[in-house]
N, C-alpha and C. Protein backbone atom coordinates (compact mmCIF):
# COMPACT_ATOMS: atom_id res chain seq x y z
N MET A 1 121.81 87.10 99.61
CA MET A 1 123.29 87.68 99.30
C MET A 1 122.95 88.78 98.09
N SER A 2 122.02 88.65 97.23
CA SER A 2 121.44 89.75 96.27
C SER A 2 121.03 90.82 96.81
N HIS A 3 119.77 90.44 98.06
CA HIS A 3 119.83 91.54 98.71
C HIS A 3 121.45 92.86 99.94
N VAL A 4 122.31 91.91 99.47
CA VAL A 4 123.62 92.99 99.65
C VAL A 4 124.17 93.45 99.13
N ARG A 5 124.39 93.34 97.40
CA ARG A 5 124.63 93.52 96.05
C ARG A 5 123.55 94.40 96.14
N ASP A 6 122.60 94.65 96.44
CA ASP A 6 121.61 95.28 95.64
C ASP A 6 121.91 96.81 97.27
N VAL A 7 121.89 96.09 98.30
CA VAL A 7 122.28 97.43 99.65
C VAL A 7 123.76 97.83 99.04
N LEU A 8 124.47 97.55 98.41
CA LEU A 8 125.80 97.78 98.24
C LEU A 8 125.93 98.57 97.39
N ARG A 9 124.74 97.65 96.10
CA ARG A 9 125.25 98.83 95.12
C ARG A 9 124.10 100.49 94.62
N SER A 10 123.30 100.47 95.77
CA SER A 10 122.51 101.06 96.29
C SER A 10 122.84 102.61 97.03
N LEU A 11 124.60 101.80 97.83
CA LEU A 11 124.91 102.90 98.76
C LEU A 11 125.90 103.85 98.26
N LEU A 12 126.14 102.96 96.66
CA LEU A 12 127.17 103.27 95.43
C LEU A 12 126.18 104.38 94.72
N PHE A 13 125.00 104.06 94.29
CA PHE A 13 123.90 104.51 93.75
C PHE A 13 124.28 106.58 94.08
N TYR A 14 123.58 106.32 95.25
CA TYR A 14 122.75 107.86 95.94
C TYR A 14 123.97 108.84 95.61
N PRO A 15 125.24 108.52 97.02
CA PRO A 15 126.23 110.08 96.40
C PRO A 15 126.84 110.42 95.06
N VAL A 16 127.46 109.39 94.11
CA VAL A 16 127.38 109.46 92.87
C VAL A 16 126.11 110.63 92.07
N PHE A 17 125.15 109.60 92.41
CA PHE A 17 124.24 110.51 91.44
C PHE A 17 124.01 111.89 92.24
N TYR A 18 123.73 111.56 93.33
CA TYR A 18 123.46 113.01 93.87
C TYR A 18 123.77 114.45 93.80
N VAL A 19 125.56 114.00 94.53
CA VAL A 19 126.80 114.78 93.98
C VAL A 19 126.55 115.11 92.27
N GLY A 20 126.48 114.19 90.81
CA GLY A 20 126.48 114.91 89.75
C GLY A 20 125.65 115.71 89.72
N SER A 21 124.34 115.19 90.00
CA SER A 21 123.87 115.78 90.20
C SER A 21 123.38 117.35 90.52
N ILE A 22 123.99 117.47 91.74
CA ILE A 22 124.77 119.11 91.96
C ILE A 22 125.27 120.07 90.90
N THR A 23 126.61 119.27 90.36
CA THR A 23 127.37 119.89 89.37
C THR A 23 126.40 120.20 88.00
N HIS A 24 125.60 119.34 87.00
CA HIS A 24 124.29 119.43 86.57
C HIS A 24 123.75 120.64 86.36
N VAL A 25 123.11 120.97 88.45
CA VAL A 25 122.05 122.05 88.85
C VAL A 25 122.48 123.24 87.98
N VAL A 26 124.37 123.10 89.48
CA VAL A 26 124.77 124.32 89.30
C VAL A 26 125.28 124.86 87.82
N SER A 27 125.62 123.86 87.59
CA SER A 27 125.93 124.68 85.56
C SER A 27 124.65 125.48 85.62
N ALA A 28 123.66 124.51 85.22
CA ALA A 28 122.49 124.86 84.67
C ALA A 28 122.51 126.32 85.03
N THR A 29 122.63 126.58 86.07
CA THR A 29 121.70 128.13 87.23
C THR A 29 123.06 128.96 85.96
N VAL A 30 124.56 128.54 86.36
CA VAL A 30 125.10 129.74 86.26
C VAL A 30 124.48 129.18 84.37
N MET A 31 124.45 128.37 83.62
CA MET A 31 124.34 129.55 81.84
C MET A 31 122.47 129.99 81.84
N MET A 32 121.70 129.57 83.09
CA MET A 32 120.64 130.69 83.16
C MET A 32 120.94 132.13 82.58
N PHE A 33 121.70 132.31 83.23
CA PHE A 33 122.27 134.00 83.18
C PHE A 33 123.76 134.04 82.15
N VAL A 34 124.52 133.06 81.94
CA VAL A 34 125.41 133.30 80.94
C VAL A 34 124.82 133.39 79.18
N LYS A 35 123.96 132.14 79.31
CA LYS A 35 123.55 131.52 78.11
C LYS A 35 122.90 130.22 77.54
N PRO A 36 121.38 131.26 77.76
CA PRO A 36 119.63 130.10 78.49
C PRO A 36 119.41 129.28 77.41
N ALA A 37 120.09 129.35 75.97
CA ALA A 37 119.96 128.31 75.43
C ALA A 37 120.94 126.56 75.10
N MET A 38 121.70 127.25 76.83
CA MET A 38 122.25 125.82 77.11
C MET A 38 121.81 125.31 78.02
N VAL A 39 120.82 125.45 78.77
CA VAL A 39 120.37 125.17 79.91
C VAL A 39 119.78 123.98 79.13
N PRO A 40 118.52 123.88 78.56
CA PRO A 40 117.72 122.02 78.01
C PRO A 40 118.51 121.13 77.75
N ALA A 41 120.41 121.19 76.67
CA ALA A 41 120.55 120.57 76.63
C ALA A 41 121.70 119.83 77.85
N ILE A 42 122.21 120.89 78.91
CA ILE A 42 122.46 120.36 79.72
C ILE A 42 122.02 119.70 81.50
N VAL A 43 120.14 120.24 80.97
CA VAL A 43 119.47 118.67 81.33
C VAL A 43 119.03 117.17 80.88
N LEU A 44 119.14 117.67 79.78
CA LEU A 44 120.19 116.00 79.16
C LEU A 44 121.13 115.33 79.65
N LYS A 45 121.54 116.07 79.40
CA LYS A 45 122.85 115.42 79.96
C LYS A 45 122.83 114.84 81.28
N TRP A 46 121.81 115.39 82.34
CA TRP A 46 121.62 114.83 83.75
C TRP A 46 121.08 113.84 83.70
N SER A 47 119.63 113.64 82.60
CA SER A 47 119.35 112.58 82.89
C SER A 47 119.65 111.34 82.09
N ALA A 48 119.96 111.43 81.17
CA ALA A 48 121.68 109.97 80.41
C ALA A 48 122.54 109.62 81.51
N PHE A 49 122.71 111.43 82.41
CA PHE A 49 123.82 110.28 83.26
C PHE A 49 123.29 109.65 84.30
N HIS A 50 121.79 110.05 84.75
CA HIS A 50 121.06 109.70 85.51
C HIS A 50 121.02 107.86 84.74
N ARG A 51 120.34 107.64 84.13
CA ARG A 51 120.79 106.16 83.08
C ARG A 51 121.95 105.61 83.54
N ARG A 52 123.08 106.19 82.47
CA ARG A 52 124.20 105.74 82.96
C ARG A 52 124.26 105.84 84.42
N CYS A 53 123.74 105.96 85.43
CA CYS A 53 124.23 105.24 86.92
C CYS A 53 123.21 104.36 87.06
N ALA A 54 121.68 104.46 86.23
CA ALA A 54 121.07 102.83 86.92
C ALA A 54 121.30 102.02 86.01
N SER A 55 122.48 101.93 85.34
CA SER A 55 122.35 100.87 84.10
C SER A 55 123.68 100.05 85.03
N ASN A 56 124.85 101.35 84.84
CA ASN A 56 126.71 100.77 85.27
C ASN A 56 126.13 100.34 86.95
N ILE A 57 125.87 101.51 87.87
CA ILE A 57 125.75 100.72 89.44
C ILE A 57 125.41 100.17 89.75
N LEU A 58 123.89 100.28 89.38
CA LEU A 58 122.76 99.09 90.27
C LEU A 58 122.38 98.28 89.44
N GLY A 59 123.03 97.93 88.06
CA GLY A 59 122.73 96.89 86.92
C GLY A 59 120.95 96.66 87.33
N ILE A 60 120.53 97.93 86.52
CA ILE A 60 119.43 97.74 85.84
C ILE A 60 119.57 98.20 84.38
N ARG A 61 118.75 97.40 83.93
CA ARG A 61 118.76 97.84 82.12
C ARG A 61 117.09 98.19 81.61
N VAL A 62 117.37 99.12 80.56
CA VAL A 62 115.74 98.98 80.04
C VAL A 62 116.00 99.11 78.93
N VAL A 63 114.88 98.61 78.61
CA VAL A 63 113.71 98.04 77.56
C VAL A 63 113.06 98.32 76.31
N VAL A 64 113.51 98.91 75.63
CA VAL A 64 111.65 99.68 75.46
C VAL A 64 110.96 99.19 74.04
N GLU A 65 109.83 98.74 74.10
CA GLU A 65 108.75 97.85 73.37
C GLU A 65 108.49 99.21 72.21
N GLY A 66 108.33 98.78 71.17
CA GLY A 66 107.34 100.06 69.81
C GLY A 66 108.09 100.66 70.03
N THR A 67 108.12 102.04 69.12
CA THR A 67 108.05 102.86 68.89
C THR A 67 107.85 104.28 69.59
N LEU A 68 109.06 105.26 70.20
CA LEU A 68 108.42 106.36 70.83
C LEU A 68 107.83 107.34 69.87
N PRO A 69 106.49 107.92 70.34
CA PRO A 69 106.53 109.04 69.52
C PRO A 69 107.43 110.53 69.44
N THR A 70 107.02 111.28 68.70
CA THR A 70 108.01 112.76 68.08
C THR A 70 107.71 113.13 68.37
N SER A 71 106.62 113.26 67.73
CA SER A 71 105.57 115.25 67.60
C SER A 71 104.09 115.54 67.81
N ASP A 72 103.27 115.91 68.39
CA ASP A 72 101.97 116.30 68.34
C ASP A 72 101.51 114.91 69.01
N VAL A 73 101.13 114.77 69.83
CA VAL A 73 101.14 113.81 70.96
C VAL A 73 101.18 114.48 72.73
N LEU A 74 100.17 113.29 72.98
CA LEU A 74 100.23 113.21 74.16
C LEU A 74 100.22 112.47 74.75
N MET A 75 101.55 112.32 75.47
CA MET A 75 101.99 110.87 76.12
C MET A 75 101.87 110.42 77.17
N ALA A 76 100.82 109.06 77.37
CA ALA A 76 100.33 109.23 78.78
C ALA A 76 101.23 108.12 79.33
N MET A 77 102.24 108.49 80.40
CA MET A 77 103.03 107.78 80.70
C MET A 77 102.18 106.48 81.97
N LYS A 78 102.40 105.62 82.60
CA LYS A 78 102.60 104.69 84.05
C LYS A 78 103.43 106.40 85.02
N HIS A 79 103.60 106.02 86.61
CA HIS A 79 104.37 107.05 87.24
C HIS A 79 104.43 105.63 88.51
N GLU A 80 105.58 105.19 88.31
CA GLU A 80 105.55 103.78 89.50
C GLU A 80 106.57 104.47 90.27
N SER A 81 107.42 105.16 89.55
CA SER A 81 108.34 105.66 91.04
C SER A 81 109.07 107.06 90.44
N PHE A 82 110.73 107.40 90.52
CA PHE A 82 111.22 109.03 89.87
C PHE A 82 111.85 108.57 88.83
N PHE A 83 112.17 106.91 88.48
CA PHE A 83 112.43 107.25 87.32
C PHE A 83 112.69 107.02 85.84
N GLU A 84 111.01 107.03 85.95
CA GLU A 84 110.27 107.44 84.27
C GLU A 84 110.80 109.46 84.75
N ALA A 85 110.88 109.73 85.30
CA ALA A 85 110.37 111.43 85.60
C ALA A 85 111.67 111.59 85.04
N ILE A 86 112.65 110.79 85.68
CA ILE A 86 114.26 111.80 85.91
C ILE A 86 114.36 111.90 84.24
N ASP A 87 114.14 109.96 84.18
CA ASP A 87 114.88 109.88 82.79
C ASP A 87 113.94 110.08 81.57
N ALA A 88 112.65 110.90 81.64
CA ALA A 88 111.94 111.65 80.11
C ALA A 88 112.82 112.05 79.16
N PRO A 89 113.43 113.71 79.78
CA PRO A 89 114.36 113.98 78.41
C PRO A 89 115.56 113.16 77.94
N ASN A 90 115.67 111.47 79.06
CA ASN A 90 116.44 110.80 77.94
C ASN A 90 115.86 109.90 77.08
N LEU A 91 114.51 109.34 77.00
CA LEU A 91 113.68 108.83 76.80
C LEU A 91 113.08 109.87 75.26
N ILE A 92 112.46 110.45 75.45
CA ILE A 92 112.07 111.23 74.40
C ILE A 92 112.79 113.29 74.96
N PRO A 93 113.61 113.17 74.03
CA PRO A 93 114.89 114.55 74.19
C PRO A 93 114.04 115.14 73.31
N LYS A 94 113.20 115.57 73.17
CA LYS A 94 112.55 116.73 72.63
C LYS A 94 110.87 116.46 73.39
N CYS A 95 110.80 116.96 74.54
CA CYS A 95 109.31 116.63 74.94
C CYS A 95 109.24 118.19 76.29
N GLY A 96 108.85 118.69 77.09
CA GLY A 96 107.89 118.93 77.59
C GLY A 96 106.95 117.31 78.78
N VAL A 97 107.92 118.06 79.64
CA VAL A 97 107.13 117.03 81.18
C VAL A 97 106.11 118.13 82.02
N ILE A 98 104.83 117.62 81.86
CA ILE A 98 103.86 117.76 83.15
C ILE A 98 104.02 117.62 84.77
N ALA A 99 103.67 118.15 85.43
CA ALA A 99 104.52 118.05 86.89
C ALA A 99 104.25 118.36 87.51
N LYS A 100 103.66 118.07 89.40
CA LYS A 100 103.38 118.66 90.24
C LYS A 100 103.87 119.95 90.32
N ALA A 101 103.35 121.36 90.29
CA ALA A 101 104.03 122.71 90.67
C ALA A 101 106.05 122.57 91.68
N GLU A 102 104.74 121.42 92.84
CA GLU A 102 106.17 121.77 94.13
C GLU A 102 107.61 121.14 93.20
N LEU A 103 108.27 120.78 92.39
CA LEU A 103 108.49 119.99 91.95
C LEU A 103 110.32 121.65 91.10
N LEU A 104 108.82 122.71 90.84
CA LEU A 104 109.50 123.72 90.22
C LEU A 104 110.05 125.07 91.00
N ARG A 105 109.50 124.17 92.65
CA ARG A 105 109.78 125.08 93.67
C ARG A 105 111.55 124.83 94.29
N ILE A 106 111.69 123.43 94.07
CA ILE A 106 113.20 123.27 94.34
C ILE A 106 114.36 124.09 94.16
N PRO A 107 114.69 124.75 94.93
CA PRO A 107 116.03 125.65 94.67
C PRO A 107 116.62 125.59 93.56
N LEU A 108 116.80 126.16 92.81
CA LEU A 108 117.96 126.19 91.74
C LEU A 108 117.15 124.87 90.56
N TRP A 109 116.41 124.25 90.69
CA TRP A 109 116.48 122.36 89.76
C TRP A 109 115.32 123.29 89.26
N GLY A 110 114.47 123.86 90.35
CA GLY A 110 113.07 123.87 89.61
C GLY A 110 113.24 124.95 88.54
N LYS A 111 114.21 125.87 87.90
CA LYS A 111 114.41 127.16 87.08
C LYS A 111 115.04 126.32 86.43
N ALA A 112 116.12 125.29 86.30
CA ALA A 112 116.08 124.04 85.46
C ALA A 112 115.50 124.26 84.37
N GLY A 113 114.95 123.49 85.14
CA GLY A 113 113.12 122.72 84.67
C GLY A 113 112.50 123.26 84.03
N GLN A 114 112.11 124.34 84.08
CA GLN A 114 111.82 125.21 83.86
C GLN A 114 111.80 125.73 82.17
N HIS A 115 113.10 125.92 82.03
CA HIS A 115 113.70 126.23 81.09
C HIS A 115 114.16 125.01 80.18
N TYR A 116 114.13 124.20 81.20
CA TYR A 116 114.14 122.57 80.11
C TYR A 116 112.49 122.66 79.57
N GLY A 117 111.77 122.61 79.42
CA GLY A 117 109.88 122.35 79.18
C GLY A 117 109.40 121.72 80.80
N LEU A 118 109.69 121.40 81.91
CA LEU A 118 108.54 121.19 83.78
C LEU A 118 107.85 122.25 83.09
N ILE A 119 106.67 121.60 82.90
CA ILE A 119 105.01 122.63 83.34
C ILE A 119 104.29 122.40 84.54
N GLY A 120 103.98 123.31 85.32
CA GLY A 120 104.09 122.71 86.51
C GLY A 120 102.78 122.49 86.71
N VAL A 121 102.02 122.08 87.96
CA VAL A 121 100.38 122.12 88.34
C VAL A 121 100.36 122.18 89.27
N GLU A 122 99.43 123.30 89.86
CA GLU A 122 98.83 123.08 91.34
C GLU A 122 97.40 122.50 91.23
N ARG A 123 98.02 121.82 91.84
CA ARG A 123 97.04 120.85 91.96
C ARG A 123 94.89 121.51 92.69
N ASP A 124 95.12 121.85 93.72
CA ASP A 124 94.65 122.01 94.14
C ASP A 124 93.78 123.25 93.39
N GLN A 125 93.80 124.14 92.07
CA GLN A 125 93.66 125.09 92.11
C GLN A 125 92.96 124.41 90.88
N GLY A 126 92.19 123.45 90.27
CA GLY A 126 90.64 122.92 89.57
C GLY A 126 91.37 123.66 88.58
N ALA A 127 89.87 124.49 87.78
CA ALA A 127 90.20 125.24 86.14
C ALA A 127 91.13 125.89 86.39
N LYS A 128 90.99 126.84 87.11
CA LYS A 128 92.37 127.79 87.25
C LYS A 128 93.99 126.88 86.45
N ALA A 129 93.57 125.41 87.53
CA ALA A 129 95.16 124.84 86.96
C ALA A 129 95.57 124.16 85.23
N LEU A 130 94.77 123.78 84.85
CA LEU A 130 94.05 123.73 83.81
C LEU A 130 94.00 124.59 82.29
N ARG A 131 93.75 125.77 83.32
CA ARG A 131 94.09 126.61 81.90
C ARG A 131 94.96 127.48 81.88
N THR A 132 96.27 126.99 83.13
CA THR A 132 97.87 127.70 83.48
C THR A 132 98.66 126.40 82.52
N MET A 133 97.94 125.00 82.52
CA MET A 133 98.33 123.82 82.17
C MET A 133 98.43 124.16 80.28
N LEU A 134 96.87 124.27 80.55
CA LEU A 134 97.00 124.40 79.08
C LEU A 134 97.48 125.21 78.27
N THR A 135 97.66 126.44 78.82
CA THR A 135 98.00 127.12 77.61
C THR A 135 100.52 127.03 77.60
N GLU A 136 100.95 126.27 78.61
CA GLU A 136 102.20 126.05 78.48
C GLU A 136 102.03 124.72 77.69
N ALA A 137 101.04 123.88 78.02
CA ALA A 137 101.44 123.07 76.74
C ALA A 137 101.32 123.19 75.30
N ARG A 138 100.27 124.28 75.31
CA ARG A 138 100.29 124.60 73.53
C ARG A 138 101.52 125.36 73.21
N LYS A 139 102.19 125.88 73.95
CA LYS A 139 103.71 126.41 73.81
C LYS A 139 104.15 124.95 73.81
N VAL A 140 104.34 123.92 74.30
CA VAL A 140 105.22 123.07 74.19
C VAL A 140 105.11 122.27 72.07
N ILE A 141 103.85 122.54 72.17
CA ILE A 141 103.45 121.37 70.76
C ILE A 141 103.40 122.70 70.04
N ALA A 142 103.48 124.00 69.99
CA ALA A 142 103.79 124.51 69.22
C ALA A 142 104.98 124.52 68.51
N ALA A 143 105.96 123.87 69.98
CA ALA A 143 107.57 124.00 69.79
C ALA A 143 107.95 122.50 68.74
N GLY A 144 106.93 121.82 68.19
CA GLY A 144 107.59 120.60 68.11
C GLY A 144 107.80 119.16 68.50
N ARG A 145 107.40 120.05 70.03
CA ARG A 145 107.91 118.45 71.49
C ARG A 145 107.07 117.96 71.29
N VAL A 146 107.41 116.51 72.05
CA VAL A 146 105.96 115.74 72.09
C VAL A 146 106.17 115.96 74.32
N LEU A 147 104.50 115.98 74.25
CA LEU A 147 104.18 116.41 75.28
C LEU A 147 104.06 115.52 77.06
N VAL A 148 104.47 114.94 77.14
CA VAL A 148 104.60 113.90 78.39
C VAL A 148 103.23 114.19 79.78
N ILE A 149 102.90 113.02 79.91
CA ILE A 149 102.04 113.40 81.29
C ILE A 149 101.53 112.02 81.47
N PHE A 150 102.21 112.64 83.31
CA PHE A 150 101.75 110.55 83.57
C PHE A 150 99.99 111.53 84.70
N PRO A 151 99.11 110.73 84.49
CA PRO A 151 98.01 110.51 84.00
C PRO A 151 97.00 111.08 84.44
N GLU A 152 97.49 109.86 86.37
CA GLU A 152 96.97 108.64 87.65
C GLU A 152 97.71 110.02 88.63
N GLY A 153 98.29 111.32 88.20
CA GLY A 153 99.03 112.53 89.15
C GLY A 153 99.62 112.24 90.06
N THR A 154 100.00 110.76 90.23
CA THR A 154 101.32 110.89 91.53
C THR A 154 101.91 109.65 91.53
N ARG A 155 102.51 108.66 91.70
CA ARG A 155 103.02 107.95 91.82
C ARG A 155 102.86 106.56 91.90
N VAL A 156 102.41 105.44 91.78
CA VAL A 156 100.93 104.64 92.05
C VAL A 156 102.09 103.50 92.43
N PRO A 157 101.97 102.64 93.41
CA PRO A 157 102.44 101.43 93.73
C PRO A 157 102.35 100.38 92.40
N HIS A 158 104.40 99.94 91.69
CA HIS A 158 103.51 98.52 91.11
C HIS A 158 102.80 97.51 91.47
N GLY A 159 102.14 97.32 90.44
CA GLY A 159 100.52 95.97 90.57
C GLY A 159 99.52 97.14 90.92
N SER A 160 99.18 97.64 91.04
CA SER A 160 98.18 99.12 91.51
C SER A 160 97.50 99.69 90.21
N ARG A 161 96.29 99.83 90.17
CA ARG A 161 95.93 100.84 88.92
C ARG A 161 94.78 101.67 90.33
N ALA A 162 95.62 103.27 89.69
CA ALA A 162 94.90 104.34 90.43
C ALA A 162 93.66 105.19 89.09
N PRO A 163 92.99 105.40 89.42
CA PRO A 163 91.97 106.30 88.85
C PRO A 163 92.70 107.55 88.35
N LEU A 164 92.80 107.92 87.16
CA LEU A 164 93.76 109.09 86.67
C LEU A 164 92.77 110.27 87.42
N ALA A 165 93.60 111.45 87.04
CA ALA A 165 93.55 112.68 87.55
C ALA A 165 92.71 113.04 86.31
N ALA A 166 91.59 114.24 87.00
CA ALA A 166 90.63 115.06 86.33
C ALA A 166 91.30 115.36 85.06
N GLY A 167 92.51 115.82 85.42
CA GLY A 167 92.95 117.33 84.69
C GLY A 167 93.53 116.38 83.18
N PHE A 168 93.64 114.98 83.60
CA PHE A 168 93.80 114.52 82.13
C PHE A 168 92.81 114.96 81.10
N ALA A 169 91.78 114.02 81.06
CA ALA A 169 90.25 113.69 80.41
C ALA A 169 90.40 115.68 79.81
N GLY A 170 90.97 116.77 80.25
CA GLY A 170 90.33 117.80 80.34
C GLY A 170 91.21 118.29 79.32
N LEU A 171 92.73 118.36 79.40
CA LEU A 171 93.54 118.40 78.37
C LEU A 171 93.18 117.89 77.09
N TYR A 172 93.74 116.12 77.07
CA TYR A 172 93.11 115.88 76.15
C TYR A 172 92.38 116.08 75.04
N LYS A 173 90.98 116.46 76.04
CA LYS A 173 89.32 117.20 74.93
C LYS A 173 90.31 118.44 74.54
N MET A 174 91.03 119.15 75.30
CA MET A 174 90.25 121.19 74.54
C MET A 174 92.22 120.54 73.92
N LEU A 175 93.29 119.99 74.17
CA LEU A 175 94.67 119.67 72.98
C LEU A 175 94.00 119.29 71.88
N LYS A 176 93.15 118.18 71.73
CA LYS A 176 92.38 118.03 70.04
C LYS A 176 94.17 117.34 69.96
N LEU A 177 94.36 116.00 70.81
CA LEU A 177 95.77 115.01 69.64
C LEU A 177 95.32 113.59 69.82
N PRO A 178 96.18 112.96 69.41
CA PRO A 178 95.81 111.61 70.19
C PRO A 178 97.12 111.19 71.08
N VAL A 179 96.23 110.10 71.90
CA VAL A 179 97.06 109.89 72.71
C VAL A 179 98.10 108.67 72.85
N VAL A 180 99.01 108.62 73.10
CA VAL A 180 100.15 107.63 73.06
C VAL A 180 100.52 107.36 74.43
N PRO A 181 99.46 106.29 74.82
CA PRO A 181 100.55 105.81 76.53
C PRO A 181 101.46 104.36 76.16
N VAL A 182 101.85 104.97 77.31
CA VAL A 182 103.38 103.80 77.98
C VAL A 182 103.24 102.97 78.85
N ALA A 183 103.78 102.11 79.54
CA ALA A 183 103.82 101.07 80.49
C ALA A 183 105.06 101.29 80.96
N ILE A 184 105.31 101.33 81.57
CA ILE A 184 106.79 100.80 82.57
C ILE A 184 106.41 100.40 83.87
N ASP A 185 107.09 99.26 84.16
CA ASP A 185 107.15 98.63 85.40
C ASP A 185 108.51 98.36 86.33
N SER A 186 109.03 99.96 86.11
CA SER A 186 110.54 101.03 87.30
C SER A 186 110.52 100.68 88.31
N GLY A 187 108.66 100.61 89.41
CA GLY A 187 108.95 100.35 90.65
C GLY A 187 108.86 99.38 91.28
N ALA A 188 108.68 98.35 91.11
CA ALA A 188 109.50 96.92 91.56
C ALA A 188 111.05 96.20 91.54
N LEU A 189 111.94 97.90 90.99
CA LEU A 189 113.13 97.73 91.57
C LEU A 189 113.59 98.93 92.28
N TYR A 190 112.87 100.60 91.41
CA TYR A 190 113.49 101.41 91.57
C TYR A 190 112.94 102.06 93.01
N HIS A 191 111.91 101.99 93.26
CA HIS A 191 110.82 102.88 93.95
C HIS A 191 111.32 101.90 95.33
N ARG A 192 112.43 102.21 95.75
CA ARG A 192 112.48 101.54 97.22
C ARG A 192 113.95 102.05 97.85
N ARG A 193 113.98 101.40 98.81
CA ARG A 193 115.36 102.59 99.32
C ARG A 193 116.73 101.91 99.01
N TRP A 194 116.25 100.06 98.87
CA TRP A 194 117.15 99.56 98.14
C TRP A 194 117.51 98.68 96.91
N LYS A 195 117.34 99.83 95.39
CA LYS A 195 117.07 99.37 94.23
C LYS A 195 117.93 98.15 94.07
N ARG A 196 117.29 97.73 93.25
CA ARG A 196 117.20 95.86 92.56
C ARG A 196 117.76 95.93 90.80
N ALA A 197 118.86 95.32 91.28
CA ALA A 197 119.20 94.98 89.09
C ALA A 197 117.85 94.24 88.59
N GLY A 198 117.78 94.72 87.48
CA GLY A 198 116.99 93.59 86.31
C GLY A 198 116.68 94.22 85.43
N THR A 199 115.66 93.76 84.77
CA THR A 199 115.10 95.65 83.10
C THR A 199 113.84 96.06 83.99
N ILE A 200 114.01 96.60 83.28
CA ILE A 200 113.04 98.02 83.74
C ILE A 200 112.17 97.87 81.65
N THR A 201 111.33 97.56 82.24
CA THR A 201 109.97 97.64 80.43
C THR A 201 109.74 98.08 80.27
N ILE A 202 109.85 99.41 79.41
CA ILE A 202 108.53 100.35 79.28
C ILE A 202 108.03 99.88 77.85
N ARG A 203 107.03 99.71 77.53
CA ARG A 203 105.81 99.19 76.65
C ARG A 203 105.16 100.66 75.17
N VAL A 204 105.15 100.87 74.81
CA VAL A 204 105.03 102.16 74.29
C VAL A 204 103.84 100.96 73.43
N GLY A 205 102.08 101.96 73.98
CA GLY A 205 100.77 101.10 73.22
C GLY A 205 100.61 102.31 71.79
N GLU A 206 99.68 101.80 71.64
CA GLU A 206 99.59 102.23 69.99
C GLU A 206 98.94 103.42 70.09
N PRO A 207 99.06 104.27 69.35
CA PRO A 207 98.65 105.36 69.42
C PRO A 207 96.69 105.53 69.51
N ILE A 208 95.92 106.56 70.20
CA ILE A 208 94.08 106.40 70.68
C ILE A 208 94.18 107.62 70.08
N PRO A 209 92.96 107.95 69.02
CA PRO A 209 92.33 109.18 69.08
C PRO A 209 92.07 110.48 69.63
N ALA A 210 92.44 111.07 69.11
CA ALA A 210 91.56 112.70 69.26
C ALA A 210 90.36 112.57 69.42
N GLY A 211 89.62 113.28 70.32
CA GLY A 211 87.94 112.98 70.04
C GLY A 211 87.02 112.05 70.96
N LEU A 212 87.83 111.05 71.74
CA LEU A 212 87.12 110.18 71.94
C LEU A 212 86.21 111.17 73.34
N PRO A 213 84.84 110.46 73.89
CA PRO A 213 84.32 110.17 74.89
C PRO A 213 84.65 110.16 76.55
N ARG A 214 85.46 110.90 77.52
CA ARG A 214 85.96 111.03 78.10
C ARG A 214 85.79 109.89 78.90
N GLU A 215 84.95 108.58 78.73
CA GLU A 215 84.89 107.05 79.37
C GLU A 215 85.48 106.40 78.95
N ASP A 216 85.50 106.94 77.78
CA ASP A 216 85.99 105.68 76.35
C ASP A 216 87.69 106.01 76.69
N ILE A 217 88.33 107.32 76.52
CA ILE A 217 89.96 107.67 76.64
C ILE A 217 90.53 107.48 78.01
N GLU A 218 89.44 107.24 79.39
CA GLU A 218 90.37 107.29 80.27
C GLU A 218 90.38 105.44 80.22
N ALA A 219 88.88 104.63 79.44
CA ALA A 219 89.61 103.93 80.68
C ALA A 219 90.73 102.67 78.90
N ARG A 220 90.28 103.40 77.90
CA ARG A 220 91.84 102.59 76.95
C ARG A 220 92.90 103.68 77.67
N VAL A 221 93.50 104.51 78.26
CA VAL A 221 94.99 105.30 78.41
C VAL A 221 95.18 104.13 80.27
N GLN A 222 94.13 103.75 80.70
CA GLN A 222 94.55 102.69 82.21
C GLN A 222 94.11 101.17 81.10
N ASP A 223 93.54 100.57 80.10
CA ASP A 223 94.35 99.34 80.17
C ASP A 223 95.69 99.34 80.01
N ALA A 224 96.02 100.66 79.05
CA ALA A 224 97.14 100.63 78.22
C ALA A 224 98.45 100.66 79.11
N ILE A 225 98.21 101.91 79.88
CA ILE A 225 99.17 102.26 80.95
C ILE A 225 100.04 100.71 81.89
N ASN A 226 98.37 100.17 82.65
CA ASN A 226 98.58 98.92 82.91
C ASN A 226 99.06 97.59 82.09
N ALA A 227 100.02 97.71 81.41
CA ALA A 227 99.31 95.95 81.03
C ALA A 227 100.97 95.82 81.11
N LEU A 228 101.98 96.20 82.27
CA LEU A 228 102.46 95.40 82.80
C LEU A 228 102.65 95.28 84.16
N ASN A 229 101.04 95.20 84.65
CA ASN A 229 101.18 95.20 85.93
C ASN A 229 100.54 93.85 85.91
N PRO A 230 101.39 92.76 87.26
CA PRO A 230 101.53 91.54 87.31
C PRO A 230 99.85 91.02 87.54
N ILE A 231 99.66 90.06 86.92
CA ILE A 231 98.43 89.10 87.17
C ILE A 231 98.93 87.94 88.07
N ASP A 232 97.66 88.31 89.64
CA ASP A 232 98.57 86.19 90.27
C ASP A 232 99.79 87.11 90.17
N GLY A 233 100.40 87.54 90.69
CA GLY A 233 101.79 87.28 90.42
C GLY A 233 103.31 86.73 89.02
N LEU A 234 102.17 87.06 87.97
CA LEU A 234 103.07 86.65 87.01
C LEU A 234 103.01 88.38 86.17
N THR A 235 103.80 88.82 85.06
CA THR A 235 103.65 89.90 84.36
C THR A 235 103.75 88.95 82.97
N PRO A 236 102.00 90.06 82.46
CA PRO A 236 102.09 90.03 81.27
C PRO A 236 103.28 90.23 79.96
N ARG A 237 103.27 89.41 78.91
CA ARG A 237 104.33 89.76 78.52
C ARG A 237 103.34 89.74 76.15
């Protein structure tokens, strides 16, 4: 019976969210020409709209454990589904998000994302990609915003640990910022065709200081962002 409810909720969620998303994207596109300063506010409204759809339609409750950062940090977040990618502006209203460059090539939406603070990374360009990412990241930090990165570089199935992408350690070294690791267990509920009702937990770890060797920072971030991964069928609390 619960599966039937999941299917029905999902069948309602998809048209409501995507039609609503089109409305937000069109509004943002118009504002790029009329009043560009309004575009970030529309992106924030879109992210909040997604959270409301997840809550009111899918029955997904979000719990945040710990204190979210406000500035001058690199926030390294576990990536299990599109939920956290869409929810980032709602979670941290003043943020810039490092994401794969393909997202910026989505018609209309990509331009709106750039106006908000989405930083595209060409993952096959090595050092050149790191330099570009660093330049844009410094602009975000100078504006007093939190820089959000998904250090694994791509979505990872719930319960799995993946190596961190090479660019994370390079960015950490060059920016000389402390890292706030964030664990999330969205994959079990959201990364599926028929999304499930339940609770998504976002756990904010203790800040990790700047200046650590690569092996140390990667190991500490790995442990912290995987704090909600199930162990022998159980999720640590």
